[in-house]
Amino acid sequence: MLIVRPPSLLTRALHRMTWDLSGEHRDVFLTFDDGPTPGVTPWVLNCLEEADAKATFFCLGRNVDKHPEIYNQILAAGHSVGNHSYSHLKGFRSSVRRYMDDIHLASGMIDSKLFRPPYGRIFPGQVKAVLQQYDIIMWDVLSIDYNTGLNGQRVLQNVTNNVKPGSIIVFHDSDKASENLYYALPRTLEFLCEEGYNMKLIPSSGLVPGGELGVN
């Protein structure tokens, strides 16, 4: 079963994590997980520039380690970054200590108060530990671009059929997702522009108390 929008029961139960950023304006928040990736991330940056859009890149420390020049391109283009761990650990298979050690390893190269758990899977004990230092940023629209069983049109529809003001949308700037991303991202940007949405970043400095945006 492919779940594009998280069930409201889940978001209410896990209310300490941020699922959307609803406000008074038609703002949406594009996010990209698992980069930086040669070829893919620079292409994403070009698409965003053409659409006058900002985004937040939840980077893997191991990829920043390998490709610091692409990470610096993200920052130079005025986007924000978040910590997506160093090695993409599954929370359900890791102790709190191992999980936090992996995040801390990534934090040495990713300067951000934002964290997104790999696979969106994280235990309550890990949530408690992470929240002492980070805002946990989830999503309310998952493109599912990483699923090679879907085509780009389906990925596009996953976003356009579910986006609303305040939505946090997830794409992946990875090799695995690239074929779907190359189709869906330009068309998503075009759709959002036509619908009057502002594509904004989530500040790397984190959210103000209460889980709301500070200066963006």
Protein backbone atom coordinates (compact mmCIF):
# COMPACT_ATOMS: atom_id res chain seq x y z
CA MET A 1 0.00 0.00 0.00
CA LEU A 2 1.42 3.38 -1.01
CA ILE A 3 0.67 6.14 1.49
CA VAL A 4 1.10 9.63 0.04
CA ARG A 5 -0.48 11.51 2.95
CA PRO A 6 0.16 10.33 6.53
CA PRO A 7 -3.01 9.39 8.43
CA SER A 8 -4.31 12.12 10.72
CA LEU A 9 -4.31 9.64 13.61
CA LEU A 10 -0.55 9.24 13.17
CA THR A 11 0.20 12.95 12.94
CA ARG A 12 -1.88 13.67 16.05
CA ALA A 13 -0.16 10.90 18.00
CA LEU A 14 3.27 12.15 16.92
CA HIS A 15 2.47 15.83 17.29
CA ARG A 16 5.94 16.74 18.57
CA MET A 17 7.24 16.19 15.05
CA THR A 18 6.47 18.72 12.32
CA TRP A 19 4.22 17.38 9.54
CA ASP A 20 3.25 20.62 7.84
CA LEU A 21 3.70 24.37 8.24
CA SER A 22 0.25 25.77 7.77
CA GLY A 23 -0.07 29.53 7.77
CA GLU A 24 -1.96 32.41 6.26
CA HIS A 25 -0.23 32.29 2.88
CA ARG A 26 -0.09 29.86 -0.05
CA ASP A 27 3.35 28.62 0.93
CA VAL A 28 4.63 25.10 0.30
CA PHE A 29 7.92 23.56 1.30
CA LEU A 30 9.78 21.37 -1.16
CA THR A 31 12.27 19.01 0.42
CA PHE A 32 14.81 16.63 -1.10
CA ASP A 33 16.25 13.62 0.71
CA ASP A 34 19.37 11.45 0.34
CA GLY A 35 21.73 13.76 -1.60
CA PRO A 36 23.91 15.36 -2.57
CA THR A 37 24.20 13.19 -5.68
CA PRO A 38 26.38 14.01 -8.72
CA GLY A 39 24.28 14.86 -11.73
CA VAL A 40 20.97 14.72 -9.90
CA THR A 41 21.38 17.44 -7.26
CA PRO A 42 22.87 20.03 -9.67
CA TRP A 43 19.97 19.34 -12.04
CA VAL A 44 17.50 19.92 -9.18
CA LEU A 45 19.24 23.19 -8.34
CA ASN A 46 18.85 24.36 -11.95
CA CYS A 47 15.14 23.49 -11.95
CA LEU A 48 14.58 25.39 -8.72
CA GLU A 49 16.45 28.43 -10.01
CA GLU A 50 14.35 28.52 -13.19
CA ALA A 51 11.17 28.39 -11.09
CA ASP A 52 12.42 30.98 -8.57
CA ALA A 53 11.83 28.34 -5.88
CA LYS A 54 13.63 27.62 -2.64
CA ALA A 55 13.86 24.23 -0.99
CA THR A 56 15.35 22.28 1.90
CA PHE A 57 17.82 19.47 1.27
CA PHE A 58 17.99 16.73 3.90
CA CYS A 59 21.48 15.48 3.21
CA LEU A 60 23.23 12.27 4.13
CA GLY A 61 26.53 12.88 5.85
CA ARG A 62 28.28 10.18 3.84
CA ASN A 63 27.25 11.92 0.62
CA VAL A 64 28.36 15.33 1.87
CA ASP A 65 31.64 13.66 2.77
CA LYS A 66 32.01 12.39 -0.79
CA HIS A 67 30.67 15.45 -2.60
CA PRO A 68 31.32 18.60 -0.54
CA GLU A 69 31.39 20.75 -3.67
CA ILE A 70 27.74 19.87 -4.45
CA TYR A 71 26.74 20.51 -0.84
CA ASN A 72 28.32 23.94 -1.12
CA GLN A 73 26.38 24.56 -4.34
CA ILE A 74 23.14 23.97 -2.39
CA LEU A 75 24.12 26.57 0.18
CA ALA A 76 25.45 29.04 -2.42
CA ALA A 77 22.09 28.89 -4.22
CA GLY A 78 20.34 30.08 -1.07
CA HIS A 79 18.63 26.85 -0.07
CA SER A 80 18.57 25.35 3.41
CA VAL A 81 19.82 21.99 4.59
CA GLY A 82 18.84 19.40 7.14
CA ASN A 83 20.48 16.39 8.75
CA HIS A 84 19.29 13.04 7.36
CA SER A 85 21.86 11.05 9.38
CA TYR A 86 25.27 9.94 8.18
CA SER A 87 24.56 6.43 6.90
CA HIS A 88 20.73 6.24 6.54
CA LEU A 89 20.18 3.97 9.54
CA LYS A 90 16.80 2.40 10.12
CA GLY A 91 15.55 3.64 13.48
CA PHE A 92 13.68 0.40 14.14
CA ARG A 93 16.97 -1.52 13.94
CA SER A 94 19.19 0.83 15.95
CA SER A 95 19.68 1.62 19.60
CA VAL A 96 19.21 5.20 20.73
CA ARG A 97 22.96 5.57 21.24
CA ARG A 98 23.86 4.22 17.80
CA TYR A 99 21.16 6.33 16.18
CA MET A 100 22.34 9.52 17.85
CA ASP A 101 26.00 8.77 17.13
CA ASP A 102 25.16 8.52 13.43
CA ILE A 103 23.30 11.86 13.51
CA HIS A 104 26.15 13.52 15.39
CA LEU A 105 28.65 12.23 12.83
CA ALA A 106 26.60 13.93 10.09
CA SER A 107 26.30 17.12 12.12
CA GLY A 108 30.05 17.65 11.79
CA MET A 109 29.48 18.51 8.12
CA ILE A 110 25.79 19.55 8.01
CA ASP A 111 25.13 22.74 9.98
CA SER A 112 21.40 22.54 10.70
CA LYS A 113 18.86 22.25 13.50
CA LEU A 114 16.56 20.24 11.21
CA PHE A 115 16.45 16.44 11.17
CA ARG A 116 14.47 13.98 9.10
CA PRO A 117 14.55 10.30 10.08
CA PRO A 118 15.57 7.93 7.28
CA TYR A 119 12.57 5.98 5.99
CA GLY A 120 10.42 8.13 8.30
CA ARG A 121 10.89 5.44 10.95
CA ILE A 122 11.91 6.40 14.44
CA PHE A 123 11.26 4.98 17.93
CA PRO A 124 9.83 7.09 20.79
CA GLY A 125 13.14 6.96 22.67
CA GLN A 126 14.94 8.22 19.58
CA VAL A 127 12.35 10.98 19.12
CA LYS A 128 12.96 12.15 22.68
CA ALA A 129 16.73 12.19 22.21
CA VAL A 130 16.65 13.91 18.81
CA LEU A 131 14.23 16.62 19.95
CA GLN A 132 16.74 17.78 22.54
CA GLN A 133 18.84 19.16 19.69
CA TYR A 134 16.75 19.22 16.50
CA ASP A 135 13.35 19.90 15.02
CA ILE A 136 12.10 16.67 13.45
CA ILE A 137 10.67 17.55 10.04
CA MET A 138 8.34 14.97 8.52
CA TRP A 139 5.91 15.63 5.62
CA ASP A 140 2.30 15.63 4.55
CA VAL A 141 2.92 14.83 0.87
CA LEU A 142 5.23 11.99 -0.15
CA SER A 143 5.91 11.85 -3.88
CA ILE A 144 7.10 8.21 -3.69
CA ASP A 145 9.55 9.00 -6.48
CA TYR A 146 11.95 6.36 -5.13
CA ASN A 147 9.54 3.55 -6.07
CA THR A 148 10.72 2.21 -9.43
CA GLY A 149 7.37 0.44 -9.82
CA LEU A 150 5.74 3.84 -10.36
CA ASN A 151 6.12 6.06 -13.40
CA GLY A 152 6.75 9.79 -13.42
CA GLN A 153 3.13 10.64 -14.14
CA ARG A 154 1.96 8.80 -11.04
CA VAL A 155 4.62 10.54 -8.95
CA LEU A 156 3.47 13.90 -10.30
CA GLN A 157 -0.15 13.10 -9.43
CA ASN A 158 0.85 12.05 -5.92
CA VAL A 159 1.95 15.63 -5.36
CA THR A 160 -0.54 17.65 -7.37
CA ASN A 161 -3.57 15.75 -6.06
CA ASN A 162 -2.57 16.19 -2.42
CA VAL A 163 -0.73 19.49 -2.00
CA LYS A 164 -2.31 22.25 0.08
CA PRO A 165 -1.07 25.48 1.66
CA GLY A 166 1.57 24.63 4.23
CA SER A 167 2.42 21.25 2.72
CA ILE A 168 5.88 19.77 3.22
CA ILE A 169 6.58 17.78 0.05
CA VAL A 170 9.22 15.06 -0.22
CA PHE A 171 11.28 14.26 -3.31
CA HIS A 172 14.63 12.44 -3.43
CA ASP A 173 17.74 13.75 -5.20
CA SER A 174 19.14 10.23 -5.54
CA ASP A 175 20.11 7.99 -8.44
CA LYS A 176 17.32 5.56 -7.58
CA ALA A 177 14.63 8.25 -7.81
CA SER A 178 16.17 10.17 -10.69
CA GLU A 179 14.06 8.82 -13.57
CA ASN A 180 10.80 9.69 -11.82
CA LEU A 181 12.25 12.95 -10.51
CA TYR A 182 13.33 14.12 -13.97
CA TYR A 183 9.74 13.76 -15.14
CA ALA A 184 7.83 14.91 -12.08
CA LEU A 185 9.82 17.82 -10.64
CA PRO A 186 9.64 20.31 -13.57
CA ARG A 187 5.92 19.60 -13.95
CA THR A 188 5.36 19.95 -10.21
CA LEU A 189 7.12 23.32 -10.20
CA GLU A 190 5.03 24.44 -13.17
CA PHE A 191 1.83 23.32 -11.43
CA LEU A 192 2.70 25.06 -8.17
CA CYS A 193 3.52 28.29 -9.98
CA GLU A 194 0.27 28.19 -11.94
CA GLU A 195 -1.68 27.58 -8.71
CA GLY A 196 -0.08 30.59 -7.05
CA TYR A 197 2.01 28.75 -4.48
CA ASN A 198 5.18 30.23 -2.99
CA MET A 199 7.94 27.61 -2.73
CA LYS A 200 9.90 28.39 0.39
CA LEU A 201 12.62 26.84 2.49
CA ILE A 202 12.56 25.70 6.09
CA PRO A 203 15.32 27.66 7.87
CA SER A 204 18.32 25.53 8.84
CA SER A 205 18.35 27.46 12.12
CA GLY A 206 15.15 25.64 13.03
CA LEU A 207 11.61 26.53 13.97
CA VAL A 208 10.53 28.99 16.63
CA PRO A 209 8.92 27.56 19.81
CA GLY A 210 5.58 26.04 18.93
CA GLY A 211 6.85 24.50 15.68
CA GLU A 212 6.32 27.53 13.47
CA LEU A 213 8.55 29.22 10.96
CA GLY A 214 10.81 32.01 11.98
CA VAL A 215 12.17 34.39 9.36
CA ASN A 216 12.15 32.58 6.01
